[in-house]
PDB file of all heavy atoms in Angstrom:
ATOM      1  N   GLU A   1     -14.383 -16.367  -2.991  1.00  0.00           N
ATOM      2  CA  GLU A   1     -14.699 -17.774  -3.151  1.00  0.00           C
ATOM      3  C   GLU A   1     -15.714 -18.025  -4.239  1.00  0.00           C
ATOM      4  O   GLU A   1     -15.533 -18.944  -5.051  1.00  0.00           O
ATOM      5  CB  GLU A   1     -15.302 -18.307  -1.835  1.00  0.00           C
ATOM      6  CG  GLU A   1     -14.245 -18.447  -0.690  1.00  0.00           C
ATOM      7  CD  GLU A   1     -14.856 -18.774   0.682  1.00  0.00           C
ATOM      8  OE1 GLU A   1     -16.122 -18.568   0.808  1.00  0.00           O
ATOM      9  OE2 GLU A   1     -14.156 -19.115   1.582  1.00  0.00           O
ATOM     10  N   GLN A   2     -16.727 -17.125  -4.348  1.00  0.00           N
ATOM     11  CA  GLN A   2     -17.657 -17.220  -5.431  1.00  0.00           C
ATOM     12  C   GLN A   2     -17.017 -17.085  -6.831  1.00  0.00           C
ATOM     13  O   GLN A   2     -17.510 -17.630  -7.852  1.00  0.00           O
ATOM     14  CB  GLN A   2     -18.778 -16.150  -5.244  1.00  0.00           C
ATOM     15  CG  GLN A   2     -19.650 -16.429  -4.024  1.00  0.00           C
ATOM     16  CD  GLN A   2     -20.513 -15.244  -3.685  1.00  0.00           C
ATOM     17  OE1 GLN A   2     -20.533 -14.291  -4.417  1.00  0.00           O
ATOM     18  NE2 GLN A   2     -21.250 -15.368  -2.570  1.00  0.00           N
ATOM     19  N   ALA A   3     -15.956 -16.237  -6.857  1.00  0.00           N
ATOM     20  CA  ALA A   3     -15.286 -16.007  -8.155  1.00  0.00           C
ATOM     21  C   ALA A   3     -14.178 -17.058  -8.381  1.00  0.00           C
ATOM     22  O   ALA A   3     -13.431 -16.871  -9.374  1.00  0.00           O
ATOM     23  CB  ALA A   3     -14.659 -14.611  -8.137  1.00  0.00           C
ATOM     24  N   ASP A   4     -14.080 -18.101  -7.507  1.00  0.00           N
ATOM     25  CA  ASP A   4     -13.048 -19.106  -7.544  1.00  0.00           C
ATOM     26  C   ASP A   4     -11.659 -18.412  -7.491  1.00  0.00           C
ATOM     27  O   ASP A   4     -10.737 -18.879  -8.235  1.00  0.00           O
ATOM     28  CB  ASP A   4     -13.183 -19.920  -8.879  1.00  0.00           C
ATOM     29  CG  ASP A   4     -12.468 -21.220  -8.815  1.00  0.00           C
ATOM     30  OD1 ASP A   4     -12.254 -21.726  -7.718  1.00  0.00           O
ATOM     31  OD2 ASP A   4     -12.081 -21.820  -9.941  1.00  0.00           O
ATOM     32  N   LEU A   5     -11.499 -17.472  -6.663  1.00  0.00           N
ATOM     33  CA  LEU A   5     -10.178 -16.761  -6.490  1.00  0.00           C
ATOM     34  C   LEU A   5      -9.764 -16.818  -5.101  1.00  0.00           C
ATOM     35  O   LEU A   5      -8.837 -16.019  -4.673  1.00  0.00           O
ATOM     36  CB  LEU A   5     -10.357 -15.348  -6.961  1.00  0.00           C
ATOM     37  CG  LEU A   5     -10.452 -15.012  -8.424  1.00  0.00           C
ATOM     38  CD1 LEU A   5     -10.809 -13.587  -8.685  1.00  0.00           C
ATOM     39  CD2 LEU A   5      -9.099 -15.364  -9.085  1.00  0.00           C
ATOM     40  N   PHE A   6     -10.219 -17.822  -4.303  1.00  0.00           N
ATOM     41  CA  PHE A   6      -9.732 -17.994  -2.887  1.00  0.00           C
ATOM     42  C   PHE A   6      -9.245 -19.400  -2.766  1.00  0.00           C
ATOM     43  O   PHE A   6      -9.896 -20.357  -3.083  1.00  0.00           O
ATOM     44  CB  PHE A   6     -10.834 -17.612  -1.901  1.00  0.00           C
ATOM     45  CG  PHE A   6     -10.314 -17.650  -0.476  1.00  0.00           C
ATOM     46  CD1 PHE A   6      -9.685 -16.529   0.070  1.00  0.00           C
ATOM     47  CD2 PHE A   6     -10.430 -18.823   0.286  1.00  0.00           C
ATOM     48  CE1 PHE A   6      -9.186 -16.541   1.361  1.00  0.00           C
ATOM     49  CE2 PHE A   6      -9.907 -18.857   1.575  1.00  0.00           C
ATOM     50  CZ  PHE A   6      -9.314 -17.750   2.117  1.00  0.00           C
ATOM     51  N   PRO A   7      -8.031 -19.486  -2.171  1.00  0.00           N
ATOM     52  CA  PRO A   7      -7.086 -18.473  -1.756  1.00  0.00           C
ATOM     53  C   PRO A   7      -6.568 -17.728  -3.001  1.00  0.00           C
ATOM     54  O   PRO A   7      -6.395 -18.271  -4.038  1.00  0.00           O
ATOM     55  CB  PRO A   7      -5.994 -19.194  -1.021  1.00  0.00           C
ATOM     56  CG  PRO A   7      -6.068 -20.583  -1.601  1.00  0.00           C
ATOM     57  CD  PRO A   7      -7.441 -20.885  -1.936  1.00  0.00           C
ATOM     58  N   LEU A   8      -6.278 -16.391  -2.823  1.00  0.00           N
ATOM     59  CA  LEU A   8      -5.715 -15.598  -3.862  1.00  0.00           C
ATOM     60  C   LEU A   8      -4.155 -15.865  -3.834  1.00  0.00           C
ATOM     61  O   LEU A   8      -3.504 -15.601  -2.873  1.00  0.00           O
ATOM     62  CB  LEU A   8      -5.953 -14.085  -3.656  1.00  0.00           C
ATOM     63  CG  LEU A   8      -5.485 -13.193  -4.726  1.00  0.00           C
ATOM     64  CD1 LEU A   8      -6.195 -13.404  -6.073  1.00  0.00           C
ATOM     65  CD2 LEU A   8      -5.718 -11.764  -4.284  1.00  0.00           C
ATOM     66  N   LEU A   9      -3.670 -16.358  -4.937  1.00  0.00           N
ATOM     67  CA  LEU A   9      -2.298 -16.792  -5.023  1.00  0.00           C
ATOM     68  C   LEU A   9      -1.441 -15.698  -5.710  1.00  0.00           C
ATOM     69  O   LEU A   9      -1.860 -15.066  -6.628  1.00  0.00           O
ATOM     70  CB  LEU A   9      -2.123 -18.060  -5.786  1.00  0.00           C
ATOM     71  CG  LEU A   9      -2.997 -19.191  -5.284  1.00  0.00           C
ATOM     72  CD1 LEU A   9      -2.860 -20.406  -6.224  1.00  0.00           C
ATOM     73  CD2 LEU A   9      -2.631 -19.594  -3.857  1.00  0.00           C
ATOM     74  N   ALA A  10      -0.193 -15.524  -5.145  1.00  0.00           N
ATOM     75  CA  ALA A  10       0.795 -14.689  -5.850  1.00  0.00           C
ATOM     76  C   ALA A  10       1.174 -15.205  -7.173  1.00  0.00           C
ATOM     77  O   ALA A  10       1.126 -16.486  -7.390  1.00  0.00           O
ATOM     78  CB  ALA A  10       2.043 -14.509  -4.967  1.00  0.00           C
ATOM     79  N   THR A  11       1.532 -14.359  -8.058  1.00  0.00           N
ATOM     80  CA  THR A  11       1.990 -14.859  -9.376  1.00  0.00           C
ATOM     81  C   THR A  11       3.452 -14.661  -9.576  1.00  0.00           C
ATOM     82  O   THR A  11       3.989 -14.909 -10.675  1.00  0.00           O
ATOM     83  CB  THR A  11       1.213 -14.061 -10.488  1.00  0.00           C
ATOM     84  OG1 THR A  11       1.498 -12.610 -10.342  1.00  0.00           O
ATOM     85  CG2 THR A  11      -0.252 -14.315 -10.464  1.00  0.00           C
ATOM     86  N   GLY A  12       4.192 -14.181  -8.537  1.00  0.00           N
ATOM     87  CA  GLY A  12       5.645 -13.987  -8.641  1.00  0.00           C
ATOM     88  C   GLY A  12       5.956 -12.492  -8.346  1.00  0.00           C
ATOM     89  O   GLY A  12       5.199 -11.588  -8.857  1.00  0.00           O
ATOM     90  N   VAL A  13       6.983 -12.256  -7.681  1.00  0.00           N
ATOM     91  CA  VAL A  13       7.338 -10.885  -7.234  1.00  0.00           C
ATOM     92  C   VAL A  13       8.108 -10.188  -8.391  1.00  0.00           C
ATOM     93  O   VAL A  13       9.246 -10.552  -8.781  1.00  0.00           O
ATOM     94  CB  VAL A  13       8.229 -10.877  -5.970  1.00  0.00           C
ATOM     95  CG1 VAL A  13       8.533  -9.434  -5.553  1.00  0.00           C
ATOM     96  CG2 VAL A  13       7.522 -11.596  -4.822  1.00  0.00           C
ATOM     97  N   GLU A  14       7.435  -9.189  -8.942  1.00  0.00           N
ATOM     98  CA  GLU A  14       7.959  -8.408 -10.004  1.00  0.00           C
ATOM     99  C   GLU A  14       8.275  -6.982  -9.526  1.00  0.00           C
ATOM    100  O   GLU A  14       9.156  -6.266 -10.239  1.00  0.00           O
ATOM    101  CB  GLU A  14       6.969  -8.324 -11.218  1.00  0.00           C
ATOM    102  CG  GLU A  14       6.696  -9.674 -11.830  1.00  0.00           C
ATOM    103  CD  GLU A  14       5.567  -9.573 -12.834  1.00  0.00           C
ATOM    104  OE1 GLU A  14       5.353  -8.422 -13.403  1.00  0.00           O
ATOM    105  OE2 GLU A  14       5.018 -10.632 -13.212  1.00  0.00           O
ATOM    106  N   ILE A  15       7.694  -6.559  -8.444  1.00  0.00           N
ATOM    107  CA  ILE A  15       7.853  -5.155  -7.945  1.00  0.00           C
ATOM    108  C   ILE A  15       8.098  -5.279  -6.472  1.00  0.00           C
ATOM    109  O   ILE A  15       7.383  -5.899  -5.671  1.00  0.00           O
ATOM    110  CB  ILE A  15       6.621  -4.326  -8.191  1.00  0.00           C
ATOM    111  CG1 ILE A  15       6.264  -4.223  -9.669  1.00  0.00           C
ATOM    112  CG2 ILE A  15       6.826  -2.884  -7.593  1.00  0.00           C
ATOM    113  CD1 ILE A  15       4.936  -3.599  -9.966  1.00  0.00           C
ATOM    114  N   LEU A  16       9.248  -4.607  -6.015  1.00  0.00           N
ATOM    115  CA  LEU A  16       9.466  -4.427  -4.620  1.00  0.00           C
ATOM    116  C   LEU A  16       9.089  -2.939  -4.298  1.00  0.00           C
ATOM    117  O   LEU A  16       9.777  -2.007  -4.745  1.00  0.00           O
ATOM    118  CB  LEU A  16      10.901  -4.667  -4.226  1.00  0.00           C
ATOM    119  CG  LEU A  16      11.224  -4.825  -2.734  1.00  0.00           C
ATOM    120  CD1 LEU A  16      10.542  -6.018  -2.199  1.00  0.00           C
ATOM    121  CD2 LEU A  16      12.701  -4.801  -2.502  1.00  0.00           C
ATOM    122  N   GLN A  17       7.912  -2.783  -3.630  1.00  0.00           N
ATOM    123  CA  GLN A  17       7.491  -1.409  -3.275  1.00  0.00           C
ATOM    124  C   GLN A  17       7.904  -1.062  -1.883  1.00  0.00           C
ATOM    125  O   GLN A  17       7.517  -1.788  -0.933  1.00  0.00           O
ATOM    126  CB  GLN A  17       5.970  -1.327  -3.399  1.00  0.00           C
ATOM    127  CG  GLN A  17       5.456   0.140  -3.269  1.00  0.00           C
ATOM    128  CD  GLN A  17       3.924   0.224  -3.549  1.00  0.00           C
ATOM    129  OE1 GLN A  17       3.167  -0.264  -2.785  1.00  0.00           O
ATOM    130  NE2 GLN A  17       3.667   1.013  -4.572  1.00  0.00           N
ATOM    131  N   ILE A  18       8.755  -0.063  -1.765  1.00  0.00           N
ATOM    132  CA  ILE A  18       9.382   0.271  -0.455  1.00  0.00           C
ATOM    133  C   ILE A  18       8.890   1.611   0.095  1.00  0.00           C
ATOM    134  O   ILE A  18       9.081   2.660  -0.622  1.00  0.00           O
ATOM    135  CB  ILE A  18      10.873   0.271  -0.632  1.00  0.00           C
ATOM    136  CG1 ILE A  18      11.399  -1.055  -1.312  1.00  0.00           C
ATOM    137  CG2 ILE A  18      11.575   0.585   0.702  1.00  0.00           C
ATOM    138  CD1 ILE A  18      12.876  -1.053  -1.682  1.00  0.00           C
ATOM    139  N   ASN A  19       8.295   1.551   1.211  1.00  0.00           N
ATOM    140  CA  ASN A  19       7.873   2.824   1.895  1.00  0.00           C
ATOM    141  C   ASN A  19       9.085   3.287   2.698  1.00  0.00           C
ATOM    142  O   ASN A  19       9.389   2.662   3.747  1.00  0.00           O
ATOM    143  CB  ASN A  19       6.680   2.613   2.760  1.00  0.00           C
ATOM    144  CG  ASN A  19       6.141   3.910   3.367  1.00  0.00           C
ATOM    145  OD1 ASN A  19       6.870   4.651   3.978  1.00  0.00           O
ATOM    146  ND2 ASN A  19       4.870   4.156   3.108  1.00  0.00           N
ATOM    147  N   VAL A  20       9.729   4.330   2.322  1.00  0.00           N
ATOM    148  CA  VAL A  20      10.984   4.784   2.977  1.00  0.00           C
ATOM    149  C   VAL A  20      10.713   5.740   4.114  1.00  0.00           C
ATOM    150  O   VAL A  20      11.659   6.285   4.689  1.00  0.00           O
ATOM    151  CB  VAL A  20      11.979   5.413   1.952  1.00  0.00           C
ATOM    152  CG1 VAL A  20      12.414   4.356   0.917  1.00  0.00           C
ATOM    153  CG2 VAL A  20      11.420   6.652   1.328  1.00  0.00           C
ATOM    154  N   GLY A  21       9.458   5.928   4.453  1.00  0.00           N
ATOM    155  CA  GLY A  21       9.138   6.808   5.609  1.00  0.00           C
ATOM    156  C   GLY A  21       7.773   7.474   5.517  1.00  0.00           C
ATOM    157  O   GLY A  21       7.251   7.714   4.423  1.00  0.00           O
ATOM    158  N   LYS A  22       7.191   7.777   6.646  1.00  0.00           N
ATOM    159  CA  LYS A  22       5.870   8.388   6.665  1.00  0.00           C
ATOM    160  C   LYS A  22       5.922   9.875   6.759  1.00  0.00           C
ATOM    161  O   LYS A  22       4.926  10.578   6.792  1.00  0.00           O
ATOM    162  CB  LYS A  22       5.073   7.861   7.860  1.00  0.00           C
ATOM    163  CG  LYS A  22       4.832   6.348   7.767  1.00  0.00           C
ATOM    164  CD  LYS A  22       3.887   5.798   8.828  1.00  0.00           C
ATOM    165  CE  LYS A  22       3.647   4.309   8.622  1.00  0.00           C
ATOM    166  NZ  LYS A  22       2.665   3.831   9.653  1.00  0.00           N
ATOM    167  N   MET A  23       7.144  10.486   6.774  1.00  0.00           N
ATOM    168  CA  MET A  23       7.235  11.927   6.884  1.00  0.00           C
ATOM    169  C   MET A  23       6.873  12.561   5.490  1.00  0.00           C
ATOM    170  O   MET A  23       7.255  11.996   4.417  1.00  0.00           O
ATOM    171  CB  MET A  23       8.680  12.341   7.120  1.00  0.00           C
ATOM    172  CG  MET A  23       8.930  13.803   7.392  1.00  0.00           C
ATOM    173  SD  MET A  23      10.611  14.182   7.811  1.00  0.00           S
ATOM    174  CE  MET A  23      10.765  13.396   9.402  1.00  0.00           C
ATOM    175  N   CYS A  24       6.139  13.633   5.526  1.00  0.00           N
ATOM    176  CA  CYS A  24       5.659  14.239   4.281  1.00  0.00           C
ATOM    177  C   CYS A  24       5.461  15.718   4.545  1.00  0.00           C
ATOM    178  O   CYS A  24       5.243  16.173   5.649  1.00  0.00           O
ATOM    179  CB  CYS A  24       4.365  13.639   3.882  1.00  0.00           C
ATOM    180  SG  CYS A  24       3.801  14.109   2.172  1.00  0.00           S
ATOM    181  N   ASN A  25       5.543  16.526   3.492  1.00  0.00           N
ATOM    182  CA  ASN A  25       5.366  18.004   3.629  1.00  0.00           C
ATOM    183  C   ASN A  25       3.921  18.341   3.455  1.00  0.00           C
ATOM    184  O   ASN A  25       3.581  19.483   3.536  1.00  0.00           O
ATOM    185  CB  ASN A  25       6.243  18.734   2.498  1.00  0.00           C
ATOM    186  CG  ASN A  25       5.828  18.371   1.136  1.00  0.00           C
ATOM    187  OD1 ASN A  25       5.738  17.163   0.780  1.00  0.00           O
ATOM    188  ND2 ASN A  25       5.601  19.338   0.252  1.00  0.00           N
ATOM    189  N   GLN A  26       3.045  17.317   3.181  1.00  0.00           N
ATOM    190  CA  GLN A  26       1.582  17.564   3.053  1.00  0.00           C
ATOM    191  C   GLN A  26       0.823  16.731   4.067  1.00  0.00           C
ATOM    192  O   GLN A  26       1.385  15.714   4.585  1.00  0.00           O
ATOM    193  CB  GLN A  26       1.149  17.235   1.591  1.00  0.00           C
ATOM    194  CG  GLN A  26       1.730  18.100   0.523  1.00  0.00           C
ATOM    195  CD  GLN A  26       1.208  17.680  -0.871  1.00  0.00           C
ATOM    196  OE1 GLN A  26       1.481  18.416  -1.855  1.00  0.00           O
ATOM    197  NE2 GLN A  26       0.415  16.624  -0.945  1.00  0.00           N
ATOM    198  N   VAL A  27      -0.387  17.102   4.256  1.00  0.00           N
ATOM    199  CA  VAL A  27      -1.319  16.300   5.064  1.00  0.00           C
ATOM    200  C   VAL A  27      -2.649  16.193   4.317  1.00  0.00           C
ATOM    201  O   VAL A  27      -3.553  16.966   4.547  1.00  0.00           O
ATOM    202  CB  VAL A  27      -1.556  16.942   6.473  1.00  0.00           C
ATOM    203  CG1 VAL A  27      -2.413  16.031   7.380  1.00  0.00           C
ATOM    204  CG2 VAL A  27      -0.265  17.303   7.163  1.00  0.00           C
ATOM    205  N   CYS A  28      -2.650  15.191   3.372  1.00  0.00           N
ATOM    206  CA  CYS A  28      -3.802  15.105   2.433  1.00  0.00           C
ATOM    207  C   CYS A  28      -4.956  14.407   3.156  1.00  0.00           C
ATOM    208  O   CYS A  28      -4.770  13.481   3.938  1.00  0.00           O
ATOM    209  CB  CYS A  28      -3.375  14.377   1.232  1.00  0.00           C
ATOM    210  SG  CYS A  28      -2.086  15.124   0.376  1.00  0.00           S
ATOM    211  N   LYS A  29      -6.165  14.869   2.813  1.00  0.00           N
ATOM    212  CA  LYS A  29      -7.374  14.358   3.491  1.00  0.00           C
ATOM    213  C   LYS A  29      -7.656  12.854   3.174  1.00  0.00           C
ATOM    214  O   LYS A  29      -8.345  12.217   3.997  1.00  0.00           O
ATOM    215  CB  LYS A  29      -8.602  15.162   3.041  1.00  0.00           C
ATOM    216  CG  LYS A  29      -8.589  16.626   3.548  1.00  0.00           C
ATOM    217  CD  LYS A  29      -9.804  17.408   3.089  1.00  0.00           C
ATOM    218  CE  LYS A  29      -9.809  18.790   3.588  1.00  0.00           C
ATOM    219  NZ  LYS A  29     -10.973  19.587   3.130  1.00  0.00           N
ATOM    220  N   HIS A  30      -7.101  12.366   2.084  1.00  0.00           N
ATOM    221  CA  HIS A  30      -7.455  10.998   1.685  1.00  0.00           C
ATOM    222  C   HIS A  30      -6.321  10.038   2.046  1.00  0.00           C
ATOM    223  O   HIS A  30      -6.433   8.819   1.736  1.00  0.00           O
ATOM    224  CB  HIS A  30      -7.708  10.909   0.207  1.00  0.00           C
ATOM    225  CG  HIS A  30      -6.438  11.075  -0.590  1.00  0.00           C
ATOM    226  ND1 HIS A  30      -5.797  12.274  -0.605  1.00  0.00           N
ATOM    227  CD2 HIS A  30      -5.762  10.157  -1.375  1.00  0.00           C
ATOM    228  CE1 HIS A  30      -4.655  12.090  -1.405  1.00  0.00           C
ATOM    229  NE2 HIS A  30      -4.652  10.874  -1.858  1.00  0.00           N
ATOM    230  N   CYS A  31      -5.233  10.455   2.693  1.00  0.00           N
ATOM    231  CA  CYS A  31      -4.010   9.703   2.775  1.00  0.00           C
ATOM    232  C   CYS A  31      -4.161   8.412   3.567  1.00  0.00           C
ATOM    233  O   CYS A  31      -4.447   8.483   4.748  1.00  0.00           O
ATOM    234  CB  CYS A  31      -2.927  10.539   3.367  1.00  0.00           C
ATOM    235  SG  CYS A  31      -1.309   9.708   3.456  1.00  0.00           S
ATOM    236  N   HIS A  32      -3.914   7.255   2.908  1.00  0.00           N
ATOM    237  CA  HIS A  32      -4.011   5.987   3.615  1.00  0.00           C
ATOM    238  C   HIS A  32      -2.786   5.686   4.474  1.00  0.00           C
ATOM    239  O   HIS A  32      -2.834   4.767   5.338  1.00  0.00           O
ATOM    240  CB  HIS A  32      -4.245   4.842   2.606  1.00  0.00           C
ATOM    241  CG  HIS A  32      -3.000   4.554   1.775  1.00  0.00           C
ATOM    242  ND1 HIS A  32      -2.631   5.302   0.668  1.00  0.00           N
ATOM    243  CD2 HIS A  32      -2.018   3.571   1.880  1.00  0.00           C
ATOM    244  CE1 HIS A  32      -1.518   4.811   0.159  1.00  0.00           C
ATOM    245  NE2 HIS A  32      -1.151   3.756   0.894  1.00  0.00           N
ATOM    246  N   VAL A  33      -1.737   6.482   4.300  1.00  0.00           N
ATOM    247  CA  VAL A  33      -0.501   6.314   5.060  1.00  0.00           C
ATOM    248  C   VAL A  33      -0.602   7.133   6.385  1.00  0.00           C
ATOM    249  O   VAL A  33       0.117   6.852   7.361  1.00  0.00           O
ATOM    250  CB  VAL A  33       0.716   6.762   4.280  1.00  0.00           C
ATOM    251  CG1 VAL A  33       2.052   6.610   5.093  1.00  0.00           C
ATOM    252  CG2 VAL A  33       0.827   5.936   2.972  1.00  0.00           C
ATOM    253  N   ASP A  34      -1.515   8.057   6.435  1.00  0.00           N
ATOM    254  CA  ASP A  34      -1.595   9.025   7.545  1.00  0.00           C
ATOM    255  C   ASP A  34      -0.273   9.816   7.674  1.00  0.00           C
ATOM    256  O   ASP A  34       0.269  10.055   8.772  1.00  0.00           O
ATOM    257  CB  ASP A  34      -1.977   8.356   8.823  1.00  0.00           C
ATOM    258  CG  ASP A  34      -2.358   9.348   9.923  1.00  0.00           C
ATOM    259  OD1 ASP A  34      -2.832  10.490   9.584  1.00  0.00           O
ATOM    260  OD2 ASP A  34      -2.128   9.049  11.134  1.00  0.00           O
ATOM    261  N   ALA A  35       0.302  10.185   6.583  1.00  0.00           N
ATOM    262  CA  ALA A  35       1.593  10.815   6.475  1.00  0.00           C
ATOM    263  C   ALA A  35       1.476  12.348   6.821  1.00  0.00           C
ATOM    264  O   ALA A  35       0.400  12.905   6.741  1.00  0.00           O
ATOM    265  CB  ALA A  35       2.243  10.678   5.067  1.00  0.00           C
ATOM    266  N   GLY A  36       2.618  12.918   7.162  1.00  0.00           N
ATOM    267  CA  GLY A  36       2.616  14.338   7.412  1.00  0.00           C
ATOM    268  C   GLY A  36       3.889  14.727   7.988  1.00  0.00           C
ATOM    269  O   GLY A  36       4.763  13.975   8.378  1.00  0.00           O
ATOM    270  N   PRO A  37       4.111  16.102   8.232  1.00  0.00           N
ATOM    271  CA  PRO A  37       5.283  16.579   8.826  1.00  0.00           C
ATOM    272  C   PRO A  37       5.550  16.089  10.224  1.00  0.00           C
ATOM    273  O   PRO A  37       6.699  16.049  10.729  1.00  0.00           O
ATOM    274  CB  PRO A  37       5.089  18.127   8.863  1.00  0.00           C
ATOM    275  CG  PRO A  37       4.086  18.365   7.772  1.00  0.00           C
ATOM    276  CD  PRO A  37       3.159  17.148   7.804  1.00  0.00           C
ATOM    277  N   ASP A  38       4.492  15.682  10.923  1.00  0.00           N
ATOM    278  CA  ASP A  38       4.646  15.214  12.325  1.00  0.00           C
ATOM    279  C   ASP A  38       5.018  13.731  12.411  1.00  0.00           C
ATOM    280  O   ASP A  38       5.239  13.217  13.573  1.00  0.00           O
ATOM    281  CB  ASP A  38       3.385  15.530  13.142  1.00  0.00           C
ATOM    282  CG  ASP A  38       2.134  14.920  12.538  1.00  0.00           C
ATOM    283  OD1 ASP A  38       2.124  13.688  12.244  1.00  0.00           O
ATOM    284  OD2 ASP A  38       1.136  15.703  12.410  1.00  0.00           O
TER     285      ASP A  38
END
């Protein structure tokens, strides 16, 4: 609000980012998906 950016408006969809699954061969310590073999 202080930056005059609220509400934050979309500018148009240029990228469709698709998560095709949470299965992974790694279990990284920082992973925001909480992905892994399990």
